[in-house]
N, C-alpha and C. Protein backbone atom coordinates (compact mmCIF):
# COMPACT_ATOMS: atom_id res chain seq x y z
N UNK A 1 0.85 -1.18 0.00
CA UNK A 1 0.00 0.00 0.00
C UNK A 1 0.89 1.24 0.00
N UNK A 2 0.64 2.18 -0.90
CA UNK A 2 1.44 3.39 -0.97
C UNK A 2 0.99 4.37 0.12
N UNK A 3 1.83 5.39 0.37
CA UNK A 3 1.48 6.40 1.36
C UNK A 3 0.20 7.13 0.98
N UNK A 4 -0.05 7.27 -0.32
CA UNK A 4 -1.25 7.96 -0.79
C UNK A 4 -2.50 7.17 -0.40
N UNK A 5 -2.42 5.85 -0.42
CA UNK A 5 -3.57 5.00 -0.11
C UNK A 5 -3.68 4.66 1.38
N UNK A 6 -2.62 4.88 2.14
CA UNK A 6 -2.61 4.49 3.55
C UNK A 6 -3.64 5.29 4.33
N UNK A 7 -4.28 4.64 5.28
CA UNK A 7 -5.32 5.28 6.08
C UNK A 7 -4.73 6.34 7.01
N UNK A 8 -5.51 7.40 7.20
CA UNK A 8 -5.15 8.44 8.17
C UNK A 8 -6.40 8.74 9.01
N UNK A 9 -6.21 8.87 10.33
CA UNK A 9 -7.31 9.16 11.23
C UNK A 9 -6.96 10.40 12.03
N UNK A 10 -7.82 11.42 11.97
CA UNK A 10 -7.64 12.67 12.70
C UNK A 10 -8.42 12.56 14.01
N UNK A 11 -7.75 12.72 15.12
CA UNK A 11 -8.32 12.44 16.44
C UNK A 11 -8.89 13.70 17.09
N UNK A 12 -10.17 13.62 17.48
CA UNK A 12 -10.83 14.70 18.21
C UNK A 12 -10.92 14.41 19.70
N UNK A 13 -10.95 13.14 20.08
CA UNK A 13 -11.07 12.78 21.49
C UNK A 13 -10.50 11.41 21.77
N UNK A 14 -10.02 11.22 22.99
CA UNK A 14 -9.40 9.96 23.42
C UNK A 14 -9.96 9.57 24.78
N UNK A 15 -10.34 8.30 24.93
CA UNK A 15 -10.78 7.82 26.24
C UNK A 15 -10.34 6.38 26.43
N UNK A 16 -10.11 6.00 27.68
CA UNK A 16 -9.74 4.62 27.99
C UNK A 16 -10.89 3.70 27.63
N UNK A 17 -10.55 2.53 27.10
CA UNK A 17 -11.57 1.57 26.68
C UNK A 17 -10.93 0.20 26.66
N UNK A 18 -11.50 -0.72 27.41
CA UNK A 18 -10.95 -2.08 27.53
C UNK A 18 -9.47 -1.98 27.87
N UNK A 19 -8.59 -2.65 27.11
CA UNK A 19 -7.16 -2.60 27.41
C UNK A 19 -6.41 -1.62 26.51
N UNK A 20 -7.15 -0.77 25.81
CA UNK A 20 -6.53 0.21 24.91
C UNK A 20 -7.22 1.55 25.06
N UNK A 21 -7.43 2.23 23.91
CA UNK A 21 -8.12 3.52 23.92
C UNK A 21 -9.14 3.57 22.80
N UNK A 22 -10.17 4.37 23.02
CA UNK A 22 -11.18 4.63 22.00
C UNK A 22 -10.88 6.02 21.45
N UNK A 23 -10.65 6.08 20.15
CA UNK A 23 -10.33 7.34 19.49
C UNK A 23 -11.54 7.79 18.69
N UNK A 24 -11.98 9.01 18.94
CA UNK A 24 -13.11 9.58 18.22
C UNK A 24 -12.55 10.61 17.25
N UNK A 25 -13.01 10.55 15.99
CA UNK A 25 -12.52 11.49 15.00
C UNK A 25 -13.03 11.15 13.63
N UNK A 26 -12.18 11.38 12.61
CA UNK A 26 -12.60 11.13 11.24
C UNK A 26 -11.46 10.55 10.42
N UNK A 27 -11.86 9.72 9.48
CA UNK A 27 -10.91 9.15 8.52
C UNK A 27 -10.70 10.20 7.44
N UNK A 28 -9.47 10.68 7.28
CA UNK A 28 -9.21 11.74 6.31
C UNK A 28 -8.49 11.24 5.06
N UNK A 29 -8.14 9.95 5.05
CA UNK A 29 -7.49 9.38 3.87
C UNK A 29 -7.65 7.87 3.92
N UNK A 30 -7.90 7.26 2.79
CA UNK A 30 -7.99 5.81 2.69
C UNK A 30 -9.20 5.25 3.41
N UNK A 31 -9.13 3.99 3.77
CA UNK A 31 -10.16 3.32 4.54
C UNK A 31 -9.52 2.63 5.73
N UNK A 32 -10.21 2.66 6.84
CA UNK A 32 -9.72 1.99 8.04
C UNK A 32 -10.51 0.71 8.20
N UNK A 33 -9.78 -0.40 8.36
CA UNK A 33 -10.41 -1.71 8.53
C UNK A 33 -9.96 -2.33 9.84
N UNK A 34 -10.79 -3.19 10.39
CA UNK A 34 -10.40 -3.95 11.58
C UNK A 34 -9.14 -4.74 11.23
N UNK A 35 -8.16 -4.70 12.10
CA UNK A 35 -6.89 -5.37 11.87
C UNK A 35 -5.80 -4.47 11.34
N UNK A 36 -6.16 -3.28 10.81
CA UNK A 36 -5.15 -2.33 10.34
C UNK A 36 -4.27 -1.91 11.51
N UNK A 37 -3.02 -1.57 11.19
CA UNK A 37 -2.09 -1.11 12.21
C UNK A 37 -1.60 0.29 11.84
N UNK A 38 -1.81 1.23 12.75
CA UNK A 38 -1.30 2.59 12.56
C UNK A 38 0.14 2.63 13.06
N UNK A 39 1.02 3.32 12.31
CA UNK A 39 2.46 3.25 12.58
C UNK A 39 3.10 4.57 12.96
N UNK A 40 2.47 5.70 12.60
CA UNK A 40 3.08 7.01 12.86
C UNK A 40 2.05 7.95 13.46
N UNK A 41 2.45 8.69 14.49
CA UNK A 41 1.59 9.70 15.10
C UNK A 41 2.19 11.08 14.86
N UNK A 42 1.35 12.03 14.46
CA UNK A 42 1.79 13.41 14.24
C UNK A 42 0.82 14.36 14.93
N UNK A 43 1.28 15.58 15.17
CA UNK A 43 0.42 16.62 15.75
C UNK A 43 0.52 17.84 14.85
N UNK A 44 -0.64 18.40 14.53
CA UNK A 44 -0.67 19.63 13.73
C UNK A 44 -0.41 20.82 14.63
N UNK A 45 0.40 21.74 14.13
CA UNK A 45 0.70 22.96 14.86
C UNK A 45 0.24 24.13 13.99
N UNK A 46 -0.68 24.92 14.53
CA UNK A 46 -1.22 26.07 13.80
C UNK A 46 -0.69 27.34 14.47
N UNK A 47 -0.09 28.21 13.66
CA UNK A 47 0.46 29.47 14.17
C UNK A 47 -0.30 30.60 13.49
N UNK A 48 -0.93 31.45 14.31
CA UNK A 48 -1.68 32.58 13.77
C UNK A 48 -0.71 33.69 13.39
N UNK A 49 -0.94 34.21 12.20
CA UNK A 49 -0.16 35.35 11.73
C UNK A 49 -0.96 36.62 11.84
N UNK A 50 -0.62 37.61 11.02
CA UNK A 50 -1.36 38.87 11.01
C UNK A 50 -2.68 38.70 10.29
N UNK A 51 -3.69 39.39 10.78
CA UNK A 51 -5.01 39.33 10.14
C UNK A 51 -5.58 37.93 10.20
N UNK A 52 -5.99 37.44 9.04
CA UNK A 52 -6.59 36.11 8.97
C UNK A 52 -5.59 35.06 8.49
N UNK A 53 -4.33 35.41 8.45
CA UNK A 53 -3.30 34.48 7.98
C UNK A 53 -2.85 33.55 9.10
N UNK A 54 -2.51 32.32 8.71
CA UNK A 54 -1.96 31.36 9.66
C UNK A 54 -1.13 30.36 8.88
N UNK A 55 -0.29 29.64 9.59
CA UNK A 55 0.50 28.59 8.96
C UNK A 55 0.30 27.29 9.74
N UNK A 56 0.40 26.19 9.03
CA UNK A 56 0.21 24.88 9.65
C UNK A 56 1.45 24.04 9.37
N UNK A 57 1.95 23.41 10.40
CA UNK A 57 3.06 22.46 10.23
C UNK A 57 2.73 21.22 11.03
N UNK A 58 3.52 20.19 10.84
CA UNK A 58 3.30 18.94 11.57
C UNK A 58 4.56 18.57 12.33
N UNK A 59 4.33 18.05 13.53
CA UNK A 59 5.41 17.55 14.36
C UNK A 59 5.21 16.05 14.52
N UNK A 60 6.22 15.26 14.16
CA UNK A 60 6.12 13.82 14.32
C UNK A 60 6.31 13.48 15.79
N UNK A 61 5.35 12.74 16.33
CA UNK A 61 5.40 12.35 17.74
C UNK A 61 6.11 11.02 17.93
N UNK A 62 6.36 10.33 16.83
CA UNK A 62 7.10 9.08 16.90
C UNK A 62 6.34 7.91 16.33
N UNK A 63 7.01 6.78 16.36
CA UNK A 63 6.42 5.55 15.87
C UNK A 63 5.45 4.98 16.89
N UNK A 64 4.38 4.40 16.39
CA UNK A 64 3.41 3.70 17.22
C UNK A 64 3.11 2.38 16.53
N UNK A 65 2.47 1.49 17.22
CA UNK A 65 1.97 0.24 16.64
C UNK A 65 0.60 -0.01 17.26
N UNK A 66 -0.41 0.64 16.66
CA UNK A 66 -1.76 0.61 17.21
C UNK A 66 -2.67 -0.18 16.27
N UNK A 67 -3.13 -1.32 16.76
CA UNK A 67 -3.98 -2.20 15.95
C UNK A 67 -5.45 -1.85 16.17
N UNK A 68 -6.19 -1.73 15.07
CA UNK A 68 -7.62 -1.44 15.13
C UNK A 68 -8.36 -2.73 15.52
N UNK A 69 -9.02 -2.68 16.68
CA UNK A 69 -9.75 -3.84 17.20
C UNK A 69 -11.25 -3.76 16.89
N UNK A 70 -11.80 -2.54 16.95
CA UNK A 70 -13.22 -2.32 16.70
C UNK A 70 -13.40 -0.97 16.01
N UNK A 71 -14.46 -0.85 15.22
CA UNK A 71 -14.83 0.41 14.59
C UNK A 71 -16.31 0.66 14.87
N UNK A 72 -16.63 1.87 15.30
CA UNK A 72 -18.02 2.25 15.53
C UNK A 72 -18.37 3.41 14.60
N UNK A 73 -19.52 3.27 13.94
CA UNK A 73 -20.03 4.29 13.03
C UNK A 73 -21.49 4.50 13.39
N UNK A 74 -21.83 5.69 13.87
CA UNK A 74 -23.18 5.97 14.37
C UNK A 74 -23.60 4.92 15.41
N UNK A 75 -22.66 4.62 16.34
CA UNK A 75 -22.88 3.70 17.47
C UNK A 75 -23.17 2.27 17.06
N UNK A 76 -22.85 1.92 15.82
CA UNK A 76 -22.97 0.53 15.36
C UNK A 76 -21.57 0.03 15.05
N UNK A 77 -21.33 -1.24 15.34
CA UNK A 77 -20.04 -1.84 15.02
C UNK A 77 -20.01 -2.19 13.54
N UNK A 78 -18.94 -1.76 12.86
CA UNK A 78 -18.80 -1.97 11.43
C UNK A 78 -17.41 -2.52 11.14
N UNK A 79 -17.21 -2.98 9.91
CA UNK A 79 -15.92 -3.57 9.50
C UNK A 79 -14.93 -2.54 8.96
N UNK A 80 -15.45 -1.39 8.44
CA UNK A 80 -14.53 -0.38 7.91
C UNK A 80 -15.12 1.01 8.04
N UNK A 81 -14.23 2.00 8.01
CA UNK A 81 -14.60 3.41 8.05
C UNK A 81 -13.95 4.06 6.84
N UNK A 82 -14.76 4.68 6.00
CA UNK A 82 -14.27 5.26 4.74
C UNK A 82 -13.84 6.71 4.91
N UNK A 83 -13.10 7.21 3.92
CA UNK A 83 -12.62 8.58 3.90
C UNK A 83 -13.75 9.57 4.12
N UNK A 84 -13.47 10.58 4.93
CA UNK A 84 -14.38 11.68 5.27
C UNK A 84 -15.55 11.28 6.16
N UNK A 85 -15.51 10.08 6.72
CA UNK A 85 -16.55 9.67 7.66
C UNK A 85 -16.01 9.75 9.07
N UNK A 86 -16.86 10.21 9.99
CA UNK A 86 -16.51 10.29 11.40
C UNK A 86 -16.91 8.99 12.09
N UNK A 87 -16.22 8.66 13.14
CA UNK A 87 -16.54 7.47 13.90
C UNK A 87 -15.60 7.33 15.07
N UNK A 88 -15.60 6.16 15.65
CA UNK A 88 -14.72 5.86 16.77
C UNK A 88 -14.00 4.55 16.46
N UNK A 89 -12.71 4.52 16.75
CA UNK A 89 -11.96 3.28 16.57
C UNK A 89 -11.31 2.91 17.90
N UNK A 90 -11.41 1.63 18.25
CA UNK A 90 -10.76 1.12 19.44
C UNK A 90 -9.44 0.53 18.99
N UNK A 91 -8.34 1.04 19.55
CA UNK A 91 -7.01 0.55 19.21
C UNK A 91 -6.29 0.09 20.46
N UNK A 92 -5.38 -0.85 20.27
CA UNK A 92 -4.51 -1.31 21.36
C UNK A 92 -3.12 -1.48 20.78
N UNK A 93 -2.12 -1.44 21.67
CA UNK A 93 -0.75 -1.63 21.20
C UNK A 93 0.22 -0.66 21.84
N UNK A 94 1.33 -0.46 21.15
CA UNK A 94 2.43 0.38 21.66
C UNK A 94 2.30 1.81 21.17
N UNK A 95 2.57 2.75 22.06
CA UNK A 95 2.56 4.17 21.71
C UNK A 95 1.28 4.90 22.08
N UNK A 96 0.40 4.22 22.80
CA UNK A 96 -0.88 4.84 23.19
C UNK A 96 -0.63 6.14 23.96
N UNK A 97 0.42 6.18 24.75
CA UNK A 97 0.69 7.36 25.58
C UNK A 97 1.00 8.60 24.74
N UNK A 98 1.34 8.44 23.46
CA UNK A 98 1.63 9.58 22.58
C UNK A 98 0.38 10.20 21.96
N UNK A 99 -0.75 9.51 22.10
CA UNK A 99 -1.96 9.89 21.39
C UNK A 99 -2.80 10.85 22.24
N UNK A 100 -3.26 11.95 21.60
CA UNK A 100 -4.12 12.94 22.26
C UNK A 100 -4.99 13.61 21.21
N UNK A 101 -6.00 14.32 21.67
CA UNK A 101 -6.84 15.08 20.74
C UNK A 101 -5.95 16.05 19.96
N UNK A 102 -6.22 16.18 18.67
CA UNK A 102 -5.42 17.05 17.81
C UNK A 102 -4.34 16.30 17.05
N UNK A 103 -4.16 15.03 17.36
CA UNK A 103 -3.16 14.20 16.66
C UNK A 103 -3.78 13.56 15.42
N UNK A 104 -2.91 13.08 14.56
CA UNK A 104 -3.30 12.24 13.45
C UNK A 104 -2.45 10.98 13.52
N UNK A 105 -3.04 9.86 13.13
CA UNK A 105 -2.26 8.63 13.04
C UNK A 105 -2.37 8.09 11.62
N UNK A 106 -1.26 7.58 11.13
CA UNK A 106 -1.16 7.06 9.76
C UNK A 106 -0.82 5.58 9.78
N UNK A 107 -1.50 4.84 8.90
CA UNK A 107 -1.22 3.40 8.76
C UNK A 107 0.01 3.21 7.89
């Protein structure tokens, strides 16, 4: 799978769930399927300039290994979450401590 096709999830909220975390947000690239593993966590940094101008950069938070265990879409369990759809994904694995609202994770 190329980087262009790899799934990306933008995180709006994080809460403890079972032995991992439940991430609430939206799929902004690709499709997320049960069993997918997210490998990189980044945080967007927005700097306000003069007037209505601003700049956006990304800071890599490091490698993670977060396996998708469950996907919820409108409070129903589903097998995949498509691009531009909001939902919740339950992930477990290494690097959970790096994850917070405002982060993105890439498969």
